[in-house]
Amino acid sequence: MSQPPNQQPARPGAPGAPSDQPGRGHSGGPQRGAGSFAPSAASIAPADMERSADIVRTITEVFQSRVVGQENLRLSLLTSLAAGGHVLLESVPGLAKTTAASALASAITGSFSRIQCTPDLMPNDIIGTQIFNYGSGTFTTQLGPVHANVVLLDEINRSSAKTQSAMLEAMQERQTSIGGEIHRLPEPFMVLATQNPIEEEGTYVLPEAQMDRFLMKEVLTYPRPAEEHEILDRSTAGSLTGPRKAVKAVSLEDIRFLQEMVDTVYVDPAVKRYIIDVVFTTRGSGPRPVPNLTQSVRVGASPRGSLALMRVGQAHALLHGRDYVTPDDVRAMRYGVLRHRLVLTFDALASGIKPEQIIDAVFHAVPMP
């Protein structure tokens, strides 16, 4: 079977490896400098940039007090929070998925709900229901746990397809319907869903079309030896779980402000063109199509993937103190944005090709502006 080139991610600095240096593209020639993507006038005032940095700094401190390592996870959660999206977390048990979600929620002075998904969980258990009051002879509405600012869906693939659909509808529409009455979800609203890939018995795999509703999918890896040593040290010192209530926390108004700032981050037309070229290349076309890609990719990224790359790029730029997006912002979170939006063929799955390998081949083929 023909496989796409560079199916093994190239080592940084190796010949043909995608460049991570600003101003150098995959074509090998000199490219535009990072500053050339900036607007002629600052799109965000310095005071607003400072306030955004303070919010990010506070959430980071709370997160690191509860979670050891997992820097990619922290960045993915912060980026999704700033972008107003949802995150799907996947890993084997014990890698702090639930702890990370709880840590993020504790850094925000909003409501937090944890839903443990099981096969007998019904849609009304999460969105709410109407209860008949025999004394007054009327129905009263009881809102479900999804009506919270941060919702943790633990092991979402253990809930039935009907329950998954109800939850994903709430994620997309930002509202629920109970007894014919519409109830808006609070703002900000963020869902952190976890799934365990090693147990298939009694699970209902999320369809690809529904996984696309998540802004990002983060795959957690094992900690490094030094990080695991720190985990043991914190355990013996009695500080592994950290305080349940954060010493410092940001308000809901701060989160709304952060999301509004992401909206104002400038995206140069050249960066938008770069995003479009990347997405079209995943579909087998683009300016420099990857040879035989269609033999490994059955369905490429949709326009929602283009929107996600741009939105995540804006959030990533703001988190790093810039009011404009560079191609490196787009590349920085490419795995989290695209790995669940590419549907691989059976031959690719049987050959052990990973979505990350396809993504590397695509980004290597598309020249940076």
Protein backbone atom coordinates (compact mmCIF):
# COMPACT_ATOMS: atom_id res chain seq x y z
CA MET A 1 0.00 0.00 0.00
CA SER A 2 1.26 3.44 -0.87
CA GLN A 3 1.77 5.63 2.15
CA PRO A 4 2.15 9.41 2.35
CA PRO A 5 5.70 10.71 2.60
CA ASN A 6 7.13 11.59 6.00
CA GLN A 7 4.75 9.25 7.76
CA GLN A 8 7.24 9.27 10.62
CA PRO A 9 7.50 12.82 12.08
CA ALA A 10 10.85 14.21 11.02
CA ARG A 11 13.39 15.10 13.66
CA PRO A 12 13.77 18.87 14.17
CA GLY A 13 16.79 20.00 12.23
CA ALA A 14 16.87 16.90 10.02
CA PRO A 15 16.93 17.37 6.24
CA GLY A 16 13.39 17.88 5.02
CA ALA A 17 12.02 18.46 8.52
CA PRO A 18 9.36 21.16 8.91
CA SER A 19 10.97 24.34 10.14
CA ASP A 20 9.89 25.69 13.52
CA GLN A 21 11.88 28.87 13.14
CA PRO A 22 9.93 32.06 12.40
CA GLY A 23 10.67 33.42 8.96
CA ARG A 24 11.73 30.12 7.36
CA GLY A 25 9.27 28.03 5.39
CA HIS A 26 9.16 24.50 4.04
CA SER A 27 10.24 25.65 0.59
CA GLY A 28 13.68 26.46 1.98
CA GLY A 29 13.78 30.09 0.85
CA PRO A 30 13.53 33.22 2.97
CA GLN A 31 10.03 33.94 4.15
CA ARG A 32 8.20 36.88 5.70
CA GLY A 33 9.33 37.79 9.21
CA ALA A 34 6.92 37.35 12.10
CA GLY A 35 6.49 41.12 12.45
CA SER A 36 5.24 41.43 8.87
CA PHE A 37 1.98 39.72 9.89
CA ALA A 38 1.19 42.49 12.39
CA PRO A 39 -1.48 45.12 11.65
CA SER A 40 -0.46 48.69 10.88
CA ALA A 41 -1.95 49.77 14.22
CA ALA A 42 -2.19 47.71 17.41
CA SER A 43 -5.48 45.80 17.53
CA ILE A 44 -5.35 45.41 21.33
CA ALA A 45 -4.46 48.19 23.78
CA PRO A 46 -1.40 47.58 26.02
CA ALA A 47 -3.56 47.73 29.16
CA ASP A 48 -5.84 45.02 27.77
CA MET A 49 -2.83 42.89 26.86
CA GLU A 50 -1.55 43.22 30.42
CA ARG A 51 -4.92 42.23 31.86
CA SER A 52 -5.03 39.21 29.55
CA ALA A 53 -1.54 38.19 30.68
CA ASP A 54 -2.58 38.45 34.35
CA ILE A 55 -5.59 36.19 33.74
CA VAL A 56 -3.46 33.59 31.97
CA ARG A 57 -0.80 33.79 34.68
CA THR A 58 -3.35 33.19 37.46
CA ILE A 59 -4.93 30.17 35.75
CA THR A 60 -1.47 28.73 35.03
CA GLU A 61 -0.42 29.03 38.68
CA VAL A 62 -3.56 27.25 39.88
CA PHE A 63 -3.19 24.52 37.26
CA GLN A 64 0.47 23.87 38.08
CA SER A 65 -0.35 23.65 41.79
CA ARG A 66 -2.62 20.70 41.05
CA VAL A 67 -1.06 19.02 38.00
CA VAL A 68 2.58 17.99 37.57
CA GLY A 69 3.98 18.45 34.07
CA GLN A 70 1.48 17.99 31.20
CA GLU A 71 2.50 21.29 29.61
CA ASN A 72 0.76 20.45 26.32
CA LEU A 73 -2.44 19.73 28.22
CA ARG A 74 -2.24 23.05 30.07
CA LEU A 75 -1.71 24.96 26.84
CA SER A 76 -4.56 23.10 25.10
CA LEU A 77 -6.99 23.79 27.94
CA LEU A 78 -6.02 27.45 28.19
CA THR A 79 -6.22 27.91 24.42
CA SER A 80 -9.64 26.26 24.21
CA LEU A 81 -10.92 28.30 27.15
CA ALA A 82 -9.78 31.54 25.53
CA ALA A 83 -11.20 30.46 22.17
CA GLY A 84 -14.54 29.47 23.70
CA GLY A 85 -14.33 25.85 22.55
CA HIS A 86 -14.56 22.36 24.01
CA VAL A 87 -11.80 19.78 24.53
CA LEU A 88 -11.73 15.99 24.18
CA LEU A 89 -9.04 14.37 26.35
CA GLU A 90 -7.84 10.87 25.58
CA SER A 91 -5.35 8.74 27.49
CA VAL A 92 -4.94 5.61 29.53
CA PRO A 93 -6.16 5.86 33.14
CA GLY A 94 -4.20 7.78 35.73
CA LEU A 95 -2.72 10.61 33.64
CA ALA A 96 -4.57 13.44 35.44
CA LYS A 97 -7.40 14.03 32.96
CA THR A 98 -9.99 14.51 35.69
CA THR A 99 -7.53 16.36 37.92
CA ALA A 100 -6.70 18.78 35.12
CA ALA A 101 -10.37 19.52 34.49
CA SER A 102 -10.96 20.08 38.20
CA ALA A 103 -7.88 22.33 38.42
CA LEU A 104 -9.09 24.46 35.52
CA ALA A 105 -12.53 24.78 37.09
CA SER A 106 -11.07 25.73 40.48
CA ALA A 107 -9.20 28.62 38.82
CA ILE A 108 -12.51 30.11 37.70
CA THR A 109 -15.09 31.48 40.11
CA GLY A 110 -17.90 29.81 38.18
CA SER A 111 -19.92 26.62 38.57
CA PHE A 112 -18.45 23.18 37.92
CA SER A 113 -20.24 19.89 37.22
CA ARG A 114 -18.82 16.42 36.85
CA ILE A 115 -20.87 13.82 34.99
CA GLN A 116 -19.74 10.20 35.20
CA CYS A 117 -20.96 8.60 31.99
CA THR A 118 -22.43 5.10 32.16
CA PRO A 119 -24.46 3.04 29.65
CA ASP A 120 -27.70 3.71 31.56
CA LEU A 121 -27.21 7.50 31.66
CA MET A 122 -30.20 9.17 29.99
CA PRO A 123 -30.36 12.59 28.25
CA ASN A 124 -32.64 13.95 30.99
CA ASP A 125 -29.96 13.08 33.54
CA ILE A 126 -27.66 15.70 32.04
CA ILE A 127 -29.89 18.39 30.51
CA GLY A 128 -32.67 18.35 33.15
CA THR A 129 -36.33 17.40 33.39
CA GLN A 130 -39.76 18.54 34.54
CA ILE A 131 -41.04 17.36 37.91
CA PHE A 132 -44.74 17.28 38.76
CA ASN A 133 -45.65 18.92 42.07
CA TYR A 134 -48.70 17.11 43.47
CA GLY A 135 -49.35 19.86 45.99
CA SER A 136 -49.71 22.66 43.45
CA GLY A 137 -50.63 20.49 40.49
CA THR A 138 -47.96 22.13 38.32
CA PHE A 139 -44.70 21.13 36.70
CA THR A 140 -41.42 22.64 37.83
CA THR A 141 -38.22 22.54 35.78
CA GLN A 142 -35.08 21.08 37.32
CA LEU A 143 -31.98 21.95 35.33
CA GLY A 144 -29.39 19.23 34.84
CA PRO A 145 -25.66 19.33 35.57
CA VAL A 146 -24.85 20.53 32.05
CA HIS A 147 -25.99 23.99 33.15
CA ALA A 148 -22.60 24.95 34.55
CA ASN A 149 -19.65 27.02 33.37
CA VAL A 150 -17.25 24.07 33.25
CA VAL A 151 -18.62 20.57 32.67
CA LEU A 152 -16.49 17.44 32.95
CA LEU A 153 -17.87 14.47 31.00
CA ASP A 154 -15.91 11.57 32.40
CA GLU A 155 -15.57 8.65 29.95
CA ILE A 156 -17.99 10.05 27.39
CA ASN A 157 -17.66 6.92 25.26
CA ARG A 158 -19.41 4.88 27.97
CA SER A 159 -22.69 6.76 27.52
CA SER A 160 -25.22 5.69 24.91
CA ALA A 161 -25.49 7.31 21.49
CA LYS A 162 -28.72 9.08 22.52
CA THR A 163 -27.05 10.66 25.54
CA GLN A 164 -23.96 11.63 23.54
CA SER A 165 -26.18 13.36 20.97
CA ALA A 166 -28.00 15.33 23.68
CA MET A 167 -24.72 16.50 25.17
CA LEU A 168 -23.17 17.41 21.84
CA GLU A 169 -26.31 19.34 20.88
CA ALA A 170 -25.99 21.36 24.07
CA MET A 171 -22.33 22.01 23.24
CA GLN A 172 -23.16 23.27 19.76
CA GLU A 173 -26.36 25.22 20.39
CA ARG A 174 -25.39 26.49 23.88
CA GLN A 175 -28.93 25.78 25.05
CA THR A 176 -31.21 22.96 26.17
CA SER A 177 -34.91 22.33 25.61
CA ILE A 178 -36.93 21.00 28.55
CA GLY A 179 -40.68 20.58 28.16
CA GLY A 180 -40.71 22.78 25.09
CA GLU A 181 -38.98 25.63 26.91
CA ILE A 182 -35.52 26.85 25.89
CA HIS A 183 -32.92 27.29 28.62
CA ARG A 184 -29.70 29.08 27.71
CA LEU A 185 -26.46 27.66 29.06
CA PRO A 186 -24.28 29.99 31.14
CA GLU A 187 -21.48 32.02 29.61
CA PRO A 188 -18.70 31.10 29.50
CA PHE A 189 -19.49 27.43 28.88
CA MET A 190 -16.82 24.80 28.34
CA VAL A 191 -17.01 21.00 28.15
CA LEU A 192 -14.05 18.77 28.96
CA ALA A 193 -14.80 15.22 27.84
CA THR A 194 -12.50 12.30 28.59
CA GLN A 195 -12.30 8.88 27.02
CA ASN A 196 -10.21 5.79 27.65
CA PRO A 197 -8.93 4.18 24.42
CA ILE A 198 -7.83 0.83 25.88
CA GLU A 199 -11.22 -0.61 26.86
CA GLU A 200 -13.77 -1.25 24.11
CA GLU A 201 -16.26 -3.42 26.01
CA GLY A 202 -19.39 -1.50 27.00
CA THR A 203 -18.40 1.65 25.11
CA TYR A 204 -20.04 3.64 22.32
CA VAL A 205 -17.38 5.18 20.08
CA LEU A 206 -18.02 8.82 19.21
CA PRO A 207 -18.83 9.16 15.48
CA GLU A 208 -16.34 11.24 13.50
CA ALA A 209 -19.02 13.82 12.68
CA GLN A 210 -19.71 14.36 16.39
CA MET A 211 -16.05 14.50 17.37
CA ASP A 212 -15.76 17.47 15.00
CA ARG A 213 -17.79 19.47 17.55
CA PHE A 214 -14.76 19.54 19.83
CA LEU A 215 -12.42 22.40 19.11
CA MET A 216 -9.41 20.30 20.13
CA LYS A 217 -8.52 16.73 20.96
CA GLU A 218 -5.55 16.27 23.26
CA VAL A 219 -3.84 12.89 23.67
CA LEU A 220 -2.00 12.70 26.99
CA THR A 221 1.33 10.92 27.32
CA TYR A 222 3.15 9.44 30.29
CA PRO A 223 5.12 11.87 32.48
CA ARG A 224 8.89 12.05 32.31
CA PRO A 225 10.91 10.40 35.13
CA ALA A 226 11.59 13.74 36.87
CA GLU A 227 7.88 14.64 36.74
CA GLU A 228 6.84 11.26 38.13
CA HIS A 229 9.40 11.73 40.90
CA GLU A 230 7.74 15.06 41.76
CA ILE A 231 4.37 13.31 41.84
CA LEU A 232 5.73 10.89 44.45
CA ASP A 233 7.28 13.76 46.41
CA ARG A 234 3.97 15.64 46.47
CA SER A 235 2.17 12.48 47.56
CA THR A 236 4.48 11.88 50.52
CA ALA A 237 4.24 15.56 51.46
CA GLY A 238 0.44 15.38 51.36
CA SER A 239 0.16 18.07 48.68
CA LEU A 240 -0.56 15.96 45.61
CA THR A 241 -4.18 16.99 45.17
CA GLY A 242 -3.57 20.61 46.15
CA PRO A 243 -6.23 22.84 47.68
CA ARG A 244 -9.77 22.19 46.51
CA LYS A 245 -10.38 25.91 46.41
CA ALA A 246 -7.84 28.05 44.64
CA VAL A 247 -6.14 30.78 46.62
CA LYS A 248 -6.41 32.98 43.56
CA ALA A 249 -9.11 32.74 40.94
CA VAL A 250 -10.33 34.70 37.96
CA SER A 251 -13.91 35.86 37.60
CA LEU A 252 -16.34 34.91 34.85
CA GLU A 253 -16.08 38.49 33.64
CA ASP A 254 -12.32 37.96 33.22
CA ILE A 255 -12.94 34.88 31.08
CA ARG A 256 -15.47 36.72 28.95
CA PHE A 257 -12.94 39.53 28.55
CA LEU A 258 -10.25 37.05 27.49
CA GLN A 259 -12.56 35.57 24.85
CA GLU A 260 -13.44 39.04 23.57
CA MET A 261 -9.73 39.82 23.22
CA VAL A 262 -9.26 36.66 21.14
CA ASP A 263 -11.91 38.01 18.76
CA THR A 264 -9.84 41.14 18.17
CA VAL A 265 -6.51 39.38 17.46
CA TYR A 266 -5.54 40.30 13.90
CA VAL A 267 -5.26 37.59 11.23
CA ASP A 268 -3.34 38.61 8.11
CA PRO A 269 -4.81 37.52 4.74
CA ALA A 270 -1.60 35.56 4.09
CA VAL A 271 -2.18 33.54 7.28
CA LYS A 272 -5.78 32.87 6.27
CA ARG A 273 -4.54 31.67 2.89
CA TYR A 274 -2.05 29.41 4.67
CA ILE A 275 -4.86 27.87 6.74
CA ILE A 276 -6.96 27.30 3.63
CA ASP A 277 -4.02 25.66 1.81
CA VAL A 278 -3.44 23.32 4.76
CA VAL A 279 -7.09 22.28 5.00
CA PHE A 280 -7.39 21.77 1.23
CA THR A 281 -4.25 19.65 1.28
CA THR A 282 -5.89 17.33 3.84
CA ARG A 283 -8.63 16.84 1.24
CA GLY A 284 -6.15 15.70 -1.41
CA SER A 285 -5.75 19.00 -3.28
CA GLY A 286 -4.05 22.25 -2.22
CA PRO A 287 -1.08 24.05 -3.81
CA ARG A 288 1.22 21.04 -3.37
CA PRO A 289 -0.86 17.86 -2.94
CA VAL A 290 0.71 15.09 -0.89
CA PRO A 291 1.23 12.08 -3.20
CA ASN A 292 -1.14 9.15 -2.52
CA LEU A 293 -2.75 10.96 0.39
CA THR A 294 -6.23 9.76 -0.58
CA GLN A 295 -5.08 6.18 -0.04
CA SER A 296 -4.58 7.01 3.65
CA VAL A 297 -7.18 9.74 4.29
CA ARG A 298 -10.83 8.97 3.55
CA VAL A 299 -12.21 12.35 4.67
CA GLY A 300 -10.19 15.53 5.17
CA ALA A 301 -10.87 18.50 7.43
CA SER A 302 -14.12 20.43 6.91
CA PRO A 303 -14.56 24.22 6.92
CA ARG A 304 -15.03 23.85 10.66
CA GLY A 305 -11.38 22.75 10.69
CA SER A 306 -10.37 26.00 8.98
CA LEU A 307 -12.31 28.02 11.54
CA ALA A 308 -10.75 26.02 14.37
CA LEU A 309 -7.20 26.54 13.08
CA MET A 310 -7.76 30.29 12.85
CA ARG A 311 -9.52 30.57 16.22
CA VAL A 312 -6.89 28.48 18.01
CA GLY A 313 -4.16 30.50 16.29
CA GLN A 314 -5.72 33.71 17.61
CA ALA A 315 -5.92 32.32 21.15
CA HIS A 316 -2.36 30.97 20.99
CA ALA A 317 -1.07 34.36 19.86
CA LEU A 318 -2.87 36.16 22.70
CA LEU A 319 -1.54 33.70 25.29
CA HIS A 320 1.95 34.54 24.07
CA GLY A 321 1.46 38.29 24.29
CA ARG A 322 0.78 39.15 20.65
CA ASP A 323 -2.21 40.82 19.00
CA TYR A 324 -1.63 39.17 15.63
CA VAL A 325 -1.36 35.60 14.33
CA THR A 326 1.72 34.14 12.65
CA PRO A 327 1.98 30.84 10.74
CA ASP A 328 3.82 29.43 13.75
CA ASP A 329 0.69 29.96 15.86
CA VAL A 330 -1.22 27.85 13.37
CA ARG A 331 1.44 25.14 13.41
CA ALA A 332 1.84 25.12 17.18
CA MET A 333 -1.53 23.48 17.89
CA ARG A 334 -1.94 21.56 14.63
CA TYR A 335 -2.22 18.11 16.20
CA GLY A 336 -4.90 19.08 18.69
CA VAL A 337 -7.01 20.80 16.03
CA LEU A 338 -6.73 18.26 13.18
CA ARG A 339 -6.11 14.80 14.65
CA HIS A 340 -9.84 14.13 15.21
CA ARG A 341 -10.90 15.77 11.94
CA LEU A 342 -9.08 13.37 9.62
CA VAL A 343 -10.85 10.09 8.88
CA LEU A 344 -8.23 7.51 7.92
CA THR A 345 -8.86 4.63 5.54
CA PHE A 346 -8.89 1.03 6.69
CA ASP A 347 -5.55 0.43 4.97
CA ALA A 348 -3.97 3.32 6.89
CA LEU A 349 -5.34 2.06 10.21
CA ALA A 350 -4.19 -1.48 9.45
CA SER A 351 -0.71 -0.16 8.61
CA GLY A 352 -0.49 1.69 11.90
CA ILE A 353 -0.37 5.16 10.36
CA LYS A 354 -1.19 7.83 12.95
CA PRO A 355 -3.11 11.05 12.24
CA GLU A 356 -0.11 13.02 13.49
CA GLN A 357 2.02 11.53 10.72
CA ILE A 358 -0.49 12.64 8.09
CA ILE A 359 -0.63 16.13 9.65
CA ASP A 360 3.17 16.42 9.56
CA ALA A 361 3.19 15.41 5.89
CA VAL A 362 0.53 18.01 5.08
CA PHE A 363 2.27 20.86 6.88
CA HIS A 364 5.59 19.88 5.32
CA ALA A 365 4.01 20.07 1.84
CA VAL A 366 2.36 23.47 2.29
CA PRO A 367 4.83 26.36 2.00
CA MET A 368 4.71 28.91 4.79
CA PRO A 369 4.00 32.52 3.80
